Amino acid sequence: MGWKETDEQLIRRGELILDPPILKNHRKELETMNNHKRGPHYRTAASHIQLLSAVRYLYGCPTDN
């Protein structure tokens, strides 16, 4: 396998993990999550947390244990 094929595979892998269209629906997702919720509202959408954990995984950031 050549470098070009390897690069293309890595790019496709990144596309699966980091899906920017998810962030476009951030506000709508929060509205849905907070609908009929009692108490403090959610401030972070689940998709945003998934994106941050994907970035953390990709860059090999250590966990706070």
C-alpha atoms as a PDB file:
ATOM      1  CA  MET A   1       0.000   0.000   0.000  1.00  0.00           C
ATOM      2  CA  GLY A   2       1.358   3.396  -0.971  1.00  0.00           C
ATOM      3  CA  TRP A   3       1.357   6.662   0.973  1.00  0.00           C
ATOM      4  CA  LYS A   4      -1.457   8.097  -1.121  1.00  0.00           C
ATOM      5  CA  GLU A   5      -3.808   5.229  -0.224  1.00  0.00           C
ATOM      6  CA  THR A   6      -2.777   5.438   3.441  1.00  0.00           C
ATOM      7  CA  ASP A   7      -3.421   9.197   3.502  1.00  0.00           C
ATOM      8  CA  GLU A   8      -6.845   8.744   1.907  1.00  0.00           C
ATOM      9  CA  GLN A   9      -7.782   6.085   4.467  1.00  0.00           C
ATOM     10  CA  LEU A  10      -6.727   8.329   7.349  1.00  0.00           C
ATOM     11  CA  ILE A  11      -8.680  11.246   5.913  1.00  0.00           C
ATOM     12  CA  ARG A  12     -11.800   9.083   5.561  1.00  0.00           C
ATOM     13  CA  ARG A  13     -11.344   7.836   9.134  1.00  0.00           C
ATOM     14  CA  GLY A  14     -11.186  11.436  10.340  1.00  0.00           C
ATOM     15  CA  GLU A  15     -14.329  12.263   8.390  1.00  0.00           C
ATOM     16  CA  LEU A  16     -16.182   9.532  10.242  1.00  0.00           C
ATOM     17  CA  ILE A  17     -15.004  10.733  13.648  1.00  0.00           C
ATOM     18  CA  LEU A  18     -15.120  14.494  13.100  1.00  0.00           C
ATOM     19  CA  ASP A  19     -18.412  15.222  11.400  1.00  0.00           C
ATOM     20  CA  PRO A  20     -18.776  19.053  11.243  1.00  0.00           C
ATOM     21  CA  PRO A  21     -22.481  18.996  10.248  1.00  0.00           C
ATOM     22  CA  ILE A  22     -23.234  17.697  13.751  1.00  0.00           C
ATOM     23  CA  LEU A  23     -22.256  21.091  15.128  1.00  0.00           C
ATOM     24  CA  LYS A  24     -24.717  22.904  12.873  1.00  0.00           C
ATOM     25  CA  ASN A  25     -27.612  21.379  14.826  1.00  0.00           C
ATOM     26  CA  HIS A  26     -26.134  22.248  18.223  1.00  0.00           C
ATOM     27  CA  ARG A  27     -28.799  24.774  19.221  1.00  0.00           C
ATOM     28  CA  LYS A  28     -31.685  22.617  17.989  1.00  0.00           C
ATOM     29  CA  GLU A  29     -30.305  19.609  19.856  1.00  0.00           C
ATOM     30  CA  LEU A  30     -30.109  21.643  23.070  1.00  0.00           C
ATOM     31  CA  GLU A  31     -33.698  22.801  22.630  1.00  0.00           C
ATOM     32  CA  THR A  32     -34.817  19.186  22.196  1.00  0.00           C
ATOM     33  CA  MET A  33     -32.801  17.998  25.203  1.00  0.00           C
ATOM     34  CA  ASN A  34     -34.201  20.796  27.409  1.00  0.00           C
ATOM     35  CA  ASN A  35     -37.821  20.379  26.276  1.00  0.00           C
ATOM     36  CA  HIS A  36     -40.031  19.739  29.345  1.00  0.00           C
ATOM     37  CA  LYS A  37     -36.942  19.499  31.577  1.00  0.00           C
ATOM     38  CA  ARG A  38     -37.211  20.628  35.171  1.00  0.00           C
ATOM     39  CA  GLY A  39     -34.280  22.207  36.923  1.00  0.00           C
ATOM     40  CA  PRO A  40     -31.175  23.681  35.301  1.00  0.00           C
ATOM     41  CA  HIS A  41     -31.007  23.414  31.543  1.00  0.00           C
ATOM     42  CA  TYR A  42     -28.388  21.433  29.703  1.00  0.00           C
ATOM     43  CA  ARG A  43     -25.687  23.734  28.351  1.00  0.00           C
ATOM     44  CA  THR A  44     -23.746  21.229  26.281  1.00  0.00           C
ATOM     45  CA  ALA A  45     -25.286  19.027  23.617  1.00  0.00           C
ATOM     46  CA  ALA A  46     -24.450  15.323  23.502  1.00  0.00           C
ATOM     47  CA  SER A  47     -23.006  15.711  19.993  1.00  0.00           C
ATOM     48  CA  HIS A  48     -20.593  18.350  21.282  1.00  0.00           C
ATOM     49  CA  ILE A  49     -19.359  15.989  23.999  1.00  0.00           C
ATOM     50  CA  GLN A  50     -18.908  13.249  21.384  1.00  0.00           C
ATOM     51  CA  LEU A  51     -16.902  15.617  19.201  1.00  0.00           C
ATOM     52  CA  LEU A  52     -14.649  16.623  22.089  1.00  0.00           C
ATOM     53  CA  SER A  53     -14.024  12.999  23.063  1.00  0.00           C
ATOM     54  CA  ALA A  54     -13.168  12.159  19.439  1.00  0.00           C
ATOM     55  CA  VAL A  55     -10.637  15.007  19.337  1.00  0.00           C
ATOM     56  CA  ARG A  56      -9.214  13.875  22.659  1.00  0.00           C
ATOM     57  CA  TYR A  57      -8.864  10.331  21.322  1.00  0.00           C
ATOM     58  CA  LEU A  58      -7.318  11.436  18.014  1.00  0.00           C
ATOM     59  CA  TYR A  59      -4.657  13.546  19.694  1.00  0.00           C
ATOM     60  CA  GLY A  60      -3.976  11.032  22.467  1.00  0.00           C
ATOM     61  CA  CYS A  61      -4.750  13.442  25.281  1.00  0.00           C
ATOM     62  CA  PRO A  62      -4.330  11.904  28.743  1.00  0.00           C
ATOM     63  CA  THR A  63      -7.316  11.368  30.983  1.00  0.00           C
ATOM     64  CA  ASP A  64      -7.650  13.087  34.347  1.00  0.00           C
ATOM     65  CA  ASN A  65      -7.397  10.012  36.574  1.00  0.00           C
END
